[in-house]
N, C-alpha and C. Protein backbone atom coordinates (compact mmCIF):
# COMPACT_ATOMS: atom_id res chain seq x y z
N HIS A 1 169.29 101.05 57.26
CA HIS A 1 170.11 100.29 57.92
C HIS A 1 170.10 100.40 59.38
N PHE A 2 170.29 99.41 60.04
CA PHE A 2 170.31 99.64 61.47
C PHE A 2 171.85 99.05 62.15
N ALA A 3 171.66 99.96 62.80
CA ALA A 3 172.86 99.77 63.64
C ALA A 3 173.19 98.85 64.81
N PRO A 4 173.95 98.15 65.35
CA PRO A 4 173.85 97.03 65.69
C PRO A 4 173.67 97.53 67.27
N LEU A 5 173.24 96.91 68.24
CA LEU A 5 173.44 97.00 69.57
C LEU A 5 174.85 96.38 69.55
N ALA A 6 176.03 97.29 70.36
CA ALA A 6 177.04 97.05 71.24
C ALA A 6 176.85 97.92 72.52
N LEU A 7 177.79 97.52 73.51
CA LEU A 7 178.09 98.17 74.57
C LEU A 7 179.50 98.65 74.76
N ASP A 8 180.27 99.08 75.23
CA ASP A 8 181.89 98.98 75.46
C ASP A 8 181.94 98.22 76.78
N PRO A 9 182.80 97.71 76.00
CA PRO A 9 183.72 96.22 77.24
C PRO A 9 183.56 97.16 78.63
N LYS A 10 184.29 98.09 78.85
CA LYS A 10 184.80 98.78 79.89
C LYS A 10 184.02 98.96 80.79
N ALA A 11 182.29 98.18 80.35
CA ALA A 11 181.17 98.30 81.04
C ALA A 11 181.19 97.36 82.09
N ALA A 12 181.99 96.64 82.12
CA ALA A 12 182.00 95.57 82.97
C ALA A 12 183.04 95.08 83.90
N VAL A 13 183.63 96.41 83.99
CA VAL A 13 185.20 96.31 84.56
C VAL A 13 185.31 96.94 85.90
N SER A 14 184.28 97.66 86.25
CA SER A 14 184.24 98.22 87.76
C SER A 14 182.65 98.52 87.94
N ALA A 15 182.73 98.01 89.42
CA ALA A 15 181.20 98.10 90.36
C ALA A 15 180.75 99.13 89.81
N GLU A 16 180.61 100.41 89.14
CA GLU A 16 180.61 101.70 88.92
C GLU A 16 179.53 101.24 87.66
N GLU A 17 180.44 100.79 86.65
CA GLU A 17 179.86 100.83 85.17
C GLU A 17 178.81 99.38 85.41
N VAL A 18 178.62 98.28 85.97
CA VAL A 18 178.07 96.96 86.34
C VAL A 18 177.06 97.35 86.99
N LEU A 19 176.62 98.47 87.48
CA LEU A 19 175.80 98.81 88.34
C LEU A 19 174.59 99.84 87.19
N LYS A 20 175.77 100.46 86.24
CA LYS A 20 174.88 101.36 85.79
C LYS A 20 174.37 100.01 84.82
N LEU A 21 174.76 99.34 84.13
CA LEU A 21 174.22 98.00 83.59
C LEU A 21 173.03 97.50 84.39
N LEU A 22 173.35 97.31 85.47
CA LEU A 22 171.79 96.49 86.50
C LEU A 22 170.77 97.87 86.25
N GLU A 23 171.05 98.93 86.19
CA GLU A 23 169.98 99.57 86.67
C GLU A 23 169.12 99.34 85.48
N LEU A 24 170.12 99.46 84.18
CA LEU A 24 169.16 98.87 82.55
C LEU A 24 168.45 97.42 82.98
N ARG A 25 168.96 96.92 83.31
CA ARG A 25 168.37 95.45 83.45
C ARG A 25 167.51 95.51 84.36
N ALA A 26 167.62 95.73 85.61
CA ALA A 26 166.43 96.09 86.56
C ALA A 26 164.93 96.17 85.65
N SER A 27 164.93 97.55 84.98
CA SER A 27 163.77 97.80 84.07
C SER A 27 163.47 96.46 83.70
N PHE A 28 164.06 96.13 82.84
CA PHE A 28 163.85 95.00 82.00
C PHE A 28 163.64 93.57 82.86
N GLU A 29 164.31 93.48 83.99
CA GLU A 29 163.80 92.15 84.14
C GLU A 29 162.24 92.41 85.06
N VAL A 30 162.67 92.83 85.68
CA VAL A 30 161.17 93.50 86.33
C VAL A 30 159.50 93.39 85.41
N GLN A 31 159.54 94.01 84.01
CA GLN A 31 158.68 94.17 83.04
C GLN A 31 158.78 92.30 82.54
N ALA A 32 159.74 91.58 82.16
CA ALA A 32 159.87 90.48 81.99
C ALA A 32 159.05 89.77 82.98
N CYS A 33 159.73 89.66 84.20
CA CYS A 33 158.80 88.99 85.51
C CYS A 33 157.23 89.29 85.21
N ALA A 34 156.59 90.53 85.45
CA ALA A 34 155.08 90.89 84.96
C ALA A 34 154.74 90.07 83.65
N LEU A 35 155.20 89.75 82.85
CA LEU A 35 154.75 89.42 81.32
C LEU A 35 154.86 87.96 81.70
N ALA A 36 156.04 87.27 82.46
CA ALA A 36 155.87 86.22 82.45
C ALA A 36 154.37 85.75 83.48
N ALA A 37 154.45 86.53 84.37
CA ALA A 37 153.31 85.73 85.05
C ALA A 37 152.07 85.95 84.09
N ARG A 38 151.93 87.28 83.73
CA ARG A 38 150.79 86.99 82.49
C ARG A 38 150.50 85.94 81.73
N ARG A 39 151.76 85.90 80.86
CA ARG A 39 151.74 84.97 79.77
C ARG A 39 151.97 83.68 79.68
N HIS A 40 152.46 83.18 80.35
CA HIS A 40 153.16 81.95 80.73
C HIS A 40 152.01 81.03 80.14
N THR A 41 152.77 79.64 79.37
CA THR A 41 152.05 78.44 79.58
C THR A 41 152.06 77.47 80.69
N SER A 42 151.82 76.61 80.60
CA SER A 42 152.27 75.60 81.64
C SER A 42 153.68 74.80 81.44
N GLU A 43 154.04 74.41 80.23
CA GLU A 43 155.63 73.68 79.79
C GLU A 43 156.57 75.29 80.44
N GLN A 44 156.07 76.50 79.72
CA GLN A 44 156.82 77.14 80.24
C GLN A 44 157.20 77.20 81.63
N LEU A 45 156.32 77.61 82.55
CA LEU A 45 156.26 77.38 83.65
C LEU A 45 157.09 76.31 84.26
N ARG A 46 156.79 74.98 83.81
CA ARG A 46 157.68 74.09 84.17
C ARG A 46 159.27 74.13 83.61
N ARG A 47 159.87 74.62 82.80
CA ARG A 47 161.15 75.25 82.37
C ARG A 47 161.68 75.93 83.30
N ILE A 48 160.75 77.03 83.56
CA ILE A 48 161.15 78.18 85.05
C ILE A 48 161.73 77.39 85.55
N HIS A 49 160.84 76.47 86.58
CA HIS A 49 160.71 75.57 87.42
C HIS A 49 162.21 74.76 87.50
N GLN A 50 162.34 74.02 86.31
CA GLN A 50 163.17 73.14 86.23
C GLN A 50 164.96 74.05 86.52
N HIS A 51 164.89 75.29 85.71
CA HIS A 51 165.82 76.10 85.69
C HIS A 51 166.48 76.29 86.94
N LEU A 52 165.39 76.76 87.62
CA LEU A 52 165.72 76.98 89.11
C LEU A 52 166.27 76.36 90.22
N ASP A 53 165.44 74.52 89.93
CA ASP A 53 166.35 73.70 90.41
C ASP A 53 167.69 73.27 89.98
N THR A 54 167.68 73.79 88.48
CA THR A 54 169.34 73.30 88.67
C THR A 54 170.56 74.22 88.98
N ILE A 55 170.05 75.81 89.63
CA ILE A 55 170.90 76.77 90.03
C ILE A 55 171.32 75.99 91.63
N ALA A 56 170.60 75.34 92.03
CA ALA A 56 171.00 75.07 93.58
C ALA A 56 171.31 73.43 93.43
N ASN A 57 170.98 72.61 92.57
CA ASN A 57 172.22 71.63 92.09
C ASN A 57 173.77 71.62 91.45
N ALA A 58 174.11 73.28 90.86
CA ALA A 58 175.45 73.72 90.47
C ALA A 58 175.97 73.77 91.64
N VAL A 59 175.60 74.50 92.31
CA VAL A 59 175.97 75.42 93.20
C VAL A 59 176.87 74.24 94.63
N ARG A 60 175.84 73.44 94.78
CA ARG A 60 176.01 72.00 95.37
C ARG A 60 176.85 70.94 94.80
N ALA A 61 176.96 71.02 93.72
CA ALA A 61 177.74 70.29 92.93
C ALA A 61 179.29 71.13 93.26
N GLY A 62 179.56 72.62 93.51
CA GLY A 62 180.35 72.99 93.74
C GLY A 62 180.82 73.56 92.74
N ASN A 63 179.68 74.22 91.45
CA ASN A 63 180.00 75.18 90.28
C ASN A 63 179.40 76.50 90.56
N ASP A 64 179.91 77.67 90.11
CA ASP A 64 179.45 78.74 90.54
C ASP A 64 177.67 79.00 89.96
N GLY A 65 177.25 77.82 89.35
CA GLY A 65 175.33 78.10 88.89
C GLY A 65 175.02 79.39 87.78
N ILE A 66 176.18 80.09 87.41
CA ILE A 66 175.91 81.51 86.94
C ILE A 66 174.99 80.83 85.32
N ALA A 67 175.63 79.88 84.65
CA ALA A 67 175.34 79.41 83.51
C ALA A 67 173.53 79.09 83.94
N GLN A 68 173.64 78.76 85.24
CA GLN A 68 172.22 77.67 84.75
C GLN A 68 171.17 79.09 85.59
N ASP A 69 171.69 80.57 86.09
CA ASP A 69 171.21 81.50 86.54
C ASP A 69 170.92 82.19 85.56
N HIS A 70 171.71 82.33 84.59
CA HIS A 70 171.22 82.33 83.29
C HIS A 70 169.99 81.75 82.52
N ALA A 71 170.28 80.87 82.52
CA ALA A 71 169.36 79.68 82.16
C ALA A 71 167.70 80.10 82.70
N PHE A 72 168.11 80.27 83.61
CA PHE A 72 166.45 80.57 84.89
C PHE A 72 165.93 82.10 84.23
N HIS A 73 166.57 82.47 83.89
CA HIS A 73 166.04 83.93 83.76
C HIS A 73 165.46 83.94 81.89
N CYS A 74 166.85 83.05 81.36
CA CYS A 74 166.47 83.32 79.99
C CYS A 74 164.85 82.67 79.59
N ALA A 75 164.41 81.55 80.80
CA ALA A 75 163.37 80.75 81.03
C ALA A 75 162.08 81.71 81.08
N ILE A 76 162.47 82.80 81.51
CA ILE A 76 161.23 83.72 82.27
C ILE A 76 161.18 84.63 81.10
N CYS A 77 162.26 85.44 80.14
CA CYS A 77 162.24 85.73 78.80
C CYS A 77 161.66 85.06 77.86
N GLU A 78 161.38 83.97 77.48
CA GLU A 78 161.03 83.07 76.84
C GLU A 78 159.70 82.63 77.17
N ALA A 79 158.69 83.03 78.56
CA ALA A 79 157.26 82.98 78.96
C ALA A 79 157.01 84.21 78.60
N THR A 80 157.41 85.66 78.17
CA THR A 80 157.01 86.80 78.20
C THR A 80 156.30 86.38 76.87
N ASP A 81 156.04 85.70 75.82
CA ASP A 81 156.09 85.21 74.95
C ASP A 81 156.29 86.72 73.59
N ASN A 82 157.39 86.90 74.09
CA ASN A 82 157.99 88.41 72.72
C ASN A 82 159.67 87.90 72.59
N GLU A 83 160.45 87.50 71.56
CA GLU A 83 161.44 86.89 71.60
C GLU A 83 162.19 87.58 71.43
N HIS A 84 162.21 89.58 71.69
CA HIS A 84 162.79 90.18 72.18
C HIS A 84 163.57 90.30 72.98
N TYR A 85 162.63 89.91 74.26
CA TYR A 85 162.89 89.55 75.50
C TYR A 85 164.10 89.27 75.92
N LEU A 86 164.32 87.78 75.02
CA LEU A 86 165.38 86.80 74.92
C LEU A 86 166.60 87.10 74.13
N ALA A 87 166.41 87.95 73.25
CA ALA A 87 167.76 88.63 72.47
C ALA A 87 168.25 89.67 73.63
N ILE A 88 167.37 90.25 74.19
CA ILE A 88 168.26 91.85 74.99
C ILE A 88 168.96 90.22 76.13
N GLU A 89 168.49 89.62 76.90
CA GLU A 89 168.66 88.75 77.83
C GLU A 89 170.02 88.53 77.36
N GLN A 90 170.08 87.64 76.42
CA GLN A 90 171.55 87.08 75.82
C GLN A 90 172.18 88.03 75.15
N PHE A 91 172.00 88.90 75.23
CA PHE A 91 173.03 90.09 75.02
C PHE A 91 173.41 91.08 76.58
N LEU A 92 172.85 90.85 77.24
CA LEU A 92 172.91 91.69 78.28
C LEU A 92 173.83 90.58 78.80
N PHE A 93 174.00 89.10 79.17
CA PHE A 93 174.57 88.44 79.77
C PHE A 93 176.35 88.07 79.77
N GLN A 94 176.50 88.47 78.44
CA GLN A 94 177.82 88.76 78.15
C GLN A 94 178.58 90.22 79.27
N TYR A 95 177.72 91.26 79.87
CA TYR A 95 178.05 92.10 80.58
C TYR A 95 177.69 91.56 81.89
N SER A 96 176.41 91.04 81.85
CA SER A 96 175.96 91.23 83.79
C SER A 96 177.09 89.78 84.13
N ARG A 97 177.08 88.97 83.27
CA ARG A 97 177.84 87.49 84.17
C ARG A 97 178.82 88.04 84.79
N VAL A 98 179.67 89.14 84.56
CA VAL A 98 180.77 89.52 85.66
C VAL A 98 180.15 90.01 87.19
N GLY A 99 179.10 90.61 86.94
CA GLY A 99 178.08 90.80 88.27
C GLY A 99 177.37 89.41 89.04
N SER A 100 177.25 88.72 88.04
CA SER A 100 176.95 87.75 88.65
C SER A 100 177.99 86.44 89.32
N ARG A 101 178.85 86.73 89.16
CA ARG A 101 180.06 86.10 89.23
C ARG A 101 181.34 87.17 90.72
N VAL A 102 181.13 88.43 90.62
CA VAL A 102 180.84 88.92 91.93
C VAL A 102 180.16 88.05 93.13
N SER A 103 179.30 87.81 93.06
CA SER A 103 178.58 87.29 94.04
C SER A 103 178.76 85.71 94.23
N ARG A 104 179.74 85.48 93.63
CA ARG A 104 180.10 83.88 93.82
C ARG A 104 181.77 83.84 93.67
N ALA A 105 182.34 85.25 93.61
CA ALA A 105 183.76 84.65 93.98
C ALA A 105 184.59 85.07 94.84
N ASP A 106 183.69 85.19 96.02
CA ASP A 106 184.39 85.43 97.52
C ASP A 106 183.77 83.63 98.07
N PRO A 107 184.71 83.29 98.42
CA PRO A 107 184.39 81.73 99.34
C PRO A 107 183.85 82.16 100.71
N THR A 108 184.10 83.21 101.14
CA THR A 108 183.26 83.03 102.69
C THR A 108 181.84 84.20 102.25
N ARG A 109 181.76 84.37 101.01
CA ARG A 109 180.49 85.03 101.21
C ARG A 109 179.63 84.87 99.92
N GLY A 110 180.54 83.51 99.18
CA GLY A 110 179.47 83.17 97.94
C GLY A 110 178.63 82.04 98.29
N LEU A 111 178.76 81.02 99.18
CA LEU A 111 177.14 79.68 99.34
C LEU A 111 176.33 81.17 100.24
N ARG A 112 176.36 81.88 100.72
CA ARG A 112 175.69 82.59 101.40
C ARG A 112 174.77 83.87 100.51
N TYR A 113 175.32 84.18 99.32
CA TYR A 113 175.01 84.98 98.54
C TYR A 113 174.35 84.06 97.08
N ALA A 114 174.53 82.52 97.66
CA ALA A 114 174.02 81.93 96.07
C ALA A 114 172.54 81.21 97.18
N THR A 115 173.06 81.24 98.71
CA THR A 115 171.41 80.86 99.07
C THR A 115 170.71 82.16 99.33
N GLN A 116 170.82 83.88 99.24
CA GLN A 116 170.16 84.46 99.24
C GLN A 116 169.16 84.50 97.22
N THR A 117 170.24 84.25 96.66
CA THR A 117 170.02 84.23 94.98
C THR A 117 168.81 83.24 95.24
N ASP A 118 168.45 82.14 95.29
CA ASP A 118 167.69 80.85 95.80
C ASP A 118 166.74 81.55 95.82
N ILE A 119 166.42 82.20 97.38
CA ILE A 119 165.52 82.38 97.91
C ILE A 119 164.85 83.66 96.68
N GLU A 120 165.57 84.80 96.73
CA GLU A 120 164.65 85.34 95.54
C GLU A 120 164.26 85.00 94.12
N HIS A 121 164.91 84.21 93.51
CA HIS A 121 164.49 83.40 92.54
C HIS A 121 163.10 82.84 92.65
N ALA A 122 163.40 81.84 93.84
CA ALA A 122 161.92 81.29 94.11
C ALA A 122 160.64 82.39 94.74
N ARG A 123 161.46 82.96 94.41
CA ARG A 123 160.11 84.28 94.90
C ARG A 123 159.52 84.76 93.91
N ILE A 124 160.30 85.13 92.69
CA ILE A 124 160.21 85.26 91.18
C ILE A 124 159.13 84.00 90.30
N TYR A 125 159.24 82.73 90.99
CA TYR A 125 158.62 81.88 90.17
C TYR A 125 157.48 81.51 90.67
N ARG A 126 157.48 81.89 92.03
CA ARG A 126 155.88 81.58 93.05
C ARG A 126 154.84 82.65 92.27
N ALA A 127 155.62 84.34 92.44
CA ALA A 127 155.10 84.86 91.79
C ALA A 127 153.93 84.74 90.19
N ILE A 128 155.23 84.45 89.29
CA ILE A 128 155.15 84.09 88.46
C ILE A 128 154.25 83.09 87.93
N ALA A 129 153.82 81.86 89.00
CA ALA A 129 153.62 80.76 88.71
C ALA A 129 151.66 80.86 89.29
N LYS A 130 151.46 81.80 90.32
CA LYS A 130 150.69 82.16 90.70
C LYS A 130 149.22 83.05 89.41
N ARG A 131 150.58 83.81 88.66
CA ARG A 131 150.00 84.98 87.71
C ARG A 131 150.10 86.55 88.47
N ASP A 132 150.53 86.04 89.45
CA ASP A 132 150.67 87.30 90.04
C ASP A 132 151.48 88.71 89.84
N GLU A 133 151.48 89.13 88.41
CA GLU A 133 151.44 90.02 87.85
C GLU A 133 152.83 91.42 88.90
N PRO A 134 152.10 92.09 89.76
CA PRO A 134 152.79 92.99 90.72
C PRO A 134 153.52 92.19 91.58
N SER A 135 153.39 91.13 91.99
CA SER A 135 154.06 90.49 93.01
C SER A 135 155.42 89.95 92.43
N ALA A 136 155.90 89.64 90.94
CA ALA A 136 156.31 89.17 90.07
C ALA A 136 157.66 90.23 89.84
N ALA A 137 156.64 91.48 89.08
CA ALA A 137 157.82 92.75 89.18
C ALA A 137 158.76 92.98 90.79
N ALA A 138 157.56 92.91 92.09
CA ALA A 138 158.27 93.46 93.17
C ALA A 138 159.34 92.83 93.27
N ALA A 139 159.09 90.64 93.14
CA ALA A 139 160.68 89.66 92.99
C ALA A 139 161.38 90.21 92.76
N ALA A 140 161.53 90.92 91.28
CA ALA A 140 162.02 90.97 90.40
C ALA A 140 162.80 91.70 90.90
N GLN A 141 162.45 92.71 91.13
CA GLN A 141 163.09 94.43 91.51
C GLN A 141 163.82 94.19 92.80
N SER A 142 163.23 93.38 93.67
CA SER A 142 163.92 93.38 94.96
C SER A 142 165.40 92.36 94.40
N HIS A 143 165.30 90.92 93.32
CA HIS A 143 165.90 90.67 93.58
C HIS A 143 167.47 91.74 92.75
N MET A 144 167.07 92.38 92.02
CA MET A 144 167.56 93.14 91.63
C MET A 144 168.53 94.25 92.54
N THR A 145 167.65 94.42 93.25
CA THR A 145 168.05 95.41 94.32
C THR A 145 169.18 94.77 95.28
N ALA A 146 168.92 93.98 95.33
CA ALA A 146 169.59 93.08 95.81
C ALA A 146 171.08 92.16 94.93
N VAL A 147 171.13 92.50 94.13
CA VAL A 147 172.26 92.18 93.31
C VAL A 147 172.80 93.05 93.14
N ALA A 148 172.45 94.43 93.11
CA ALA A 148 173.02 95.40 93.49
C ALA A 148 173.97 95.60 94.25
N GLU A 149 173.61 95.36 95.47
CA GLU A 149 173.78 95.38 96.97
C GLU A 149 175.14 93.96 97.15
N ARG A 150 175.57 93.41 96.15
CA ARG A 150 176.51 92.25 96.39
C ARG A 150 177.33 92.99 95.50
N ILE A 151 177.23 93.53 94.47
CA ILE A 151 178.35 94.07 93.39
C ILE A 151 178.93 95.56 94.24
N ARG A 152 177.85 95.81 95.26
CA ARG A 152 178.64 96.96 96.14
C ARG A 152 179.73 96.26 97.39
N GLY A 153 179.33 95.63 97.94
CA GLY A 153 180.32 94.85 98.45
C GLY A 153 181.44 93.68 98.34
N ALA A 154 181.96 93.77 97.09
CA ALA A 154 182.78 93.09 96.60
C ALA A 154 184.39 93.29 96.66
N ASP A 155 184.92 92.58 96.58
CA ASP A 155 186.42 92.96 96.94
C ASP A 155 186.55 93.13 95.78
N GLN A 156 187.08 94.24 96.08
CA GLN A 156 188.03 95.43 95.34
C GLN A 156 188.97 95.03 94.40
N ARG A 157 189.72 93.38 94.92
CA ARG A 157 190.94 92.65 93.96
C ARG A 157 189.85 92.19 92.57
N PHE A 158 188.63 91.60 93.03
CA PHE A 158 188.05 91.06 91.70
C PHE A 158 187.62 92.18 90.89
N TRP A 159 187.53 93.06 91.47
CA TRP A 159 187.35 93.94 90.06
C TRP A 159 188.71 94.86 89.07
N ASP A 160 190.17 94.73 90.07
CA ASP A 160 190.71 95.11 89.68
C ASP A 160 191.39 93.53 88.76
N GLU A 161 191.24 92.20 88.87
CA GLU A 161 191.91 91.35 88.27
C GLU A 161 190.62 90.52 87.49
N GLU A 162 190.02 89.60 88.03
CA GLU A 162 188.68 89.48 87.02
C GLU A 162 188.25 89.83 85.95
N ALA A 163 187.49 91.27 86.58
CA ALA A 163 186.59 91.22 85.46
C ALA A 163 187.05 92.29 84.71
N GLN A 164 188.68 92.99 84.37
CA GLN A 164 189.74 93.01 83.31
C GLN A 164 189.89 91.86 82.48
N SER A 165 189.79 90.59 82.79
CA SER A 165 189.57 89.30 81.72
C SER A 165 188.63 89.28 80.77
N PHE A 166 187.59 89.41 82.01
CA PHE A 166 186.01 89.06 81.19
C PHE A 166 185.96 90.43 80.05
N ALA A 167 186.26 91.60 80.76
CA ALA A 167 186.15 92.79 79.35
C ALA A 167 186.94 92.13 77.93
N SER A 168 188.32 91.25 78.63
CA SER A 168 188.69 91.64 77.60
C SER A 168 188.07 90.65 76.89
N GLN A 169 187.45 89.33 77.36
CA GLN A 169 187.62 88.36 76.41
C GLN A 169 185.97 88.96 75.57
N ILE A 170 185.09 90.00 76.36
CA ILE A 170 184.31 90.47 75.88
C ILE A 170 184.58 91.31 74.04
N VAL A 171 185.64 91.69 74.29
CA VAL A 171 186.14 92.11 72.70
C VAL A 171 186.65 91.33 72.41
N ARG A 172 187.54 90.42 72.58
CA ARG A 172 187.73 89.26 71.58
C ARG A 172 186.92 88.78 70.88
N GLN A 173 185.01 88.54 71.44
CA GLN A 173 184.31 87.99 70.67
C GLN A 173 184.04 89.19 69.38
N GLN A 174 183.82 90.18 70.72
CA GLN A 174 183.07 91.32 69.73
C GLN A 174 183.87 91.16 68.17
N HIS A 175 184.99 91.46 68.11
CA HIS A 175 186.10 91.16 67.21
C HIS A 175 185.74 89.96 66.71
N LEU A 176 185.41 88.68 67.20
CA LEU A 176 185.34 87.73 66.28
C LEU A 176 183.92 88.18 65.55
N LEU A 177 183.07 88.40 65.80
CA LEU A 177 181.89 88.39 65.06
C LEU A 177 181.78 89.53 64.40
N ALA A 178 182.41 90.89 64.02
CA ALA A 178 182.76 91.82 63.46
C ALA A 178 183.68 91.20 62.50
N ASN A 179 184.53 90.34 62.39
CA ASN A 179 185.43 89.92 61.48
C ASN A 179 185.27 88.67 61.51
N PRO A 180 184.62 87.89 60.52
CA PRO A 180 184.13 86.39 61.00
C PRO A 180 185.80 86.12 60.20
């Protein structure tokens, strides 16, 4: 008997809790990028690059780019040649999207944050493309550190309002999965 992986939805409702999840995600992302640098196929690298382009296109079109950002990270996980990375990425996304939303929620900082994220993602991509494992890991770590800084700089109103809404959505989703 295997226990299903679950996290308390409260993990998505405060900066402190999201930062704890980010600590977990950081080690995961760093290793995923290093493995993708070592193992990717040319087709997987093409998909990573394609998703990199879709993030910027989404932001230019006025969208938040969160789904495209997630697809970029999923493409990296696929390039690890270890399906468990993709499964964990998809699981963590339901919680980490709160942190992603933080960096795009404030209209005064959202575009700057999106630009910074594009630069960070491009560094990750270039290192993976060069098959440079240490640089891919370092770029991923740098990205996770920057994400943490953006979360720390978020408006408290976000945590008081929107994060609560995200947590409620997660609770509903978990309830529906447990009680089909």
